[in-house]
Amino acid sequence: QEQLVQSGGGLVQAGGSLRLSCSASETQRVITILGWYRQAPGKSRELVASITSGGSTNYADSVKGRFTISRDDVGNTVYLQMNRLTPEDTADYYCKAYHYRYHEVWGQGTLVTVSS
């Protein structure tokens, strides 16, 4: 069984919106979702948005004002609302979490493609 399950990727036109979700198979005491990363073709994986257990958030400069990260504590799910998407946002998006035993786990990834 996957420890983190992602959904919400797809193809969207520039200016459109998508919402990604990352759902943990265990409670937050076992798996704490830390944030979202993305990796474009030929580039390294970069941090897009992070969220603490207390709800504090931080964003990469390239997405500030357009992306919003949020957490549903009841379902141990973290979302990434992406608005006003541009072709430069095209990438594979991954959520990352801390696991009490394995320390670092990643979601399976989801492709976001923004057409111009």
Protein backbone atom coordinates (compact mmCIF):
# COMPACT_ATOMS: atom_id res chain seq x y z
CA GLN A 1 0.00 0.00 0.00
CA GLU A 2 1.18 3.50 -0.82
CA GLN A 3 1.78 5.75 2.18
CA LEU A 4 0.97 8.92 0.21
CA VAL A 5 -1.61 9.02 -2.58
CA GLN A 6 -1.78 12.02 -4.91
CA SER A 7 -4.51 13.18 -7.27
CA GLY A 8 -5.56 16.24 -9.25
CA GLY A 9 -3.03 16.60 -12.04
CA GLY A 10 -3.89 17.04 -15.68
CA LEU A 11 -3.86 19.31 -18.71
CA VAL A 12 -5.02 22.90 -18.39
CA GLN A 13 -4.80 26.06 -20.49
CA ALA A 14 -2.71 29.02 -19.37
CA GLY A 15 -4.65 31.10 -16.86
CA GLY A 16 -6.58 28.11 -15.59
CA SER A 17 -6.59 26.38 -12.22
CA LEU A 18 -5.98 22.94 -10.74
CA ARG A 19 -6.10 21.54 -7.23
CA LEU A 20 -3.71 18.79 -6.17
CA SER A 21 -4.29 16.59 -3.15
CA CYS A 22 -1.98 14.39 -1.09
CA SER A 23 -3.62 11.96 1.32
CA ALA A 24 -1.70 9.97 3.95
CA SER A 25 -2.60 6.39 4.85
CA GLU A 26 -1.92 6.98 8.56
CA THR A 27 -2.62 9.68 11.12
CA GLN A 28 -0.51 12.80 11.37
CA ARG A 29 1.34 11.33 14.35
CA VAL A 30 2.71 8.66 11.98
CA ILE A 31 2.93 10.61 8.70
CA THR A 32 3.27 14.38 8.62
CA ILE A 33 2.90 15.87 5.15
CA LEU A 34 5.47 18.64 4.74
CA GLY A 35 4.77 20.19 1.36
CA TRP A 36 4.89 20.07 -2.43
CA TYR A 37 7.81 19.84 -4.84
CA ARG A 38 7.94 19.88 -8.63
CA GLN A 39 10.39 18.72 -11.26
CA ALA A 40 10.32 20.00 -14.82
CA PRO A 41 12.05 18.13 -17.68
CA GLY A 42 15.81 18.51 -17.46
CA LYS A 43 15.64 20.36 -14.14
CA SER A 44 16.15 19.41 -10.51
CA ARG A 45 13.31 18.96 -8.05
CA GLU A 46 12.40 22.22 -6.33
CA LEU A 47 10.29 23.14 -3.33
CA VAL A 48 7.03 24.81 -4.32
CA ALA A 49 5.19 25.19 -1.01
CA SER A 50 5.60 23.98 2.55
CA ILE A 51 3.28 23.78 5.55
CA THR A 52 4.02 23.09 9.19
CA SER A 53 1.94 21.04 11.60
CA GLY A 54 0.76 24.34 13.05
CA GLY A 55 -0.38 25.61 9.66
CA SER A 56 2.39 28.08 8.80
CA THR A 57 3.06 28.23 5.05
CA ASN A 58 5.89 29.27 2.73
CA TYR A 59 6.06 29.50 -1.05
CA ALA A 60 8.63 29.67 -3.79
CA ASP A 61 8.88 33.17 -5.25
CA SER A 62 7.68 31.90 -8.61
CA VAL A 63 4.29 30.82 -7.22
CA LYS A 64 3.60 33.42 -4.52
CA GLY A 65 0.16 34.93 -4.93
CA ARG A 66 -0.96 32.14 -7.28
CA PHE A 67 -0.65 28.90 -5.27
CA THR A 68 -2.15 28.11 -1.86
CA ILE A 69 -1.22 25.14 0.32
CA SER A 70 -3.67 23.96 2.98
CA ARG A 71 -4.21 21.04 5.34
CA ASP A 72 -7.21 18.98 6.40
CA ASP A 73 -6.17 17.60 9.79
CA VAL A 74 -9.15 15.25 10.09
CA GLY A 75 -8.29 13.34 6.93
CA ASN A 76 -4.53 14.02 7.08
CA THR A 77 -4.63 15.48 3.57
CA VAL A 78 -2.71 18.43 2.14
CA TYR A 79 -3.89 20.37 -0.90
CA LEU A 80 -2.21 22.66 -3.40
CA GLN A 81 -4.58 25.09 -5.10
CA MET A 82 -2.90 26.38 -8.26
CA ASN A 83 -4.39 29.46 -9.95
CA ARG A 84 -3.38 31.52 -12.97
CA LEU A 85 -1.21 28.70 -14.24
CA THR A 86 1.48 29.37 -16.85
CA PRO A 87 3.45 27.03 -19.13
CA GLU A 88 6.40 27.48 -16.75
CA ASP A 89 4.39 25.58 -14.13
CA THR A 90 4.46 22.43 -16.27
CA ALA A 91 6.16 19.72 -14.21
CA ASP A 92 5.73 16.54 -12.24
CA TYR A 93 4.44 17.48 -8.79
CA TYR A 94 5.25 15.45 -5.67
CA CYS A 95 4.18 15.73 -2.05
CA LYS A 96 6.71 14.91 0.66
CA ALA A 97 6.09 13.71 4.20
CA TYR A 98 7.94 12.77 7.35
CA HIS A 99 7.32 9.21 8.57
CA TYR A 100 8.20 8.31 12.15
CA ARG A 101 9.96 5.11 11.02
CA TYR A 102 11.14 5.79 7.45
CA HIS A 103 11.77 9.53 8.00
CA GLU A 104 11.15 10.68 4.41
CA VAL A 105 8.45 9.46 2.02
CA TRP A 106 7.22 10.80 -1.32
CA GLY A 107 3.96 10.63 -3.19
CA GLN A 108 3.86 8.88 -6.55
CA GLY A 109 3.86 12.15 -8.47
CA THR A 110 1.29 13.71 -10.78
CA LEU A 111 1.88 15.51 -14.08
CA VAL A 112 0.64 19.07 -14.54
CA THR A 113 0.76 20.31 -18.13
CA VAL A 114 -0.11 23.94 -18.92
CA SER A 115 -0.67 24.79 -22.56
CA SER A 116 -0.27 28.25 -24.07
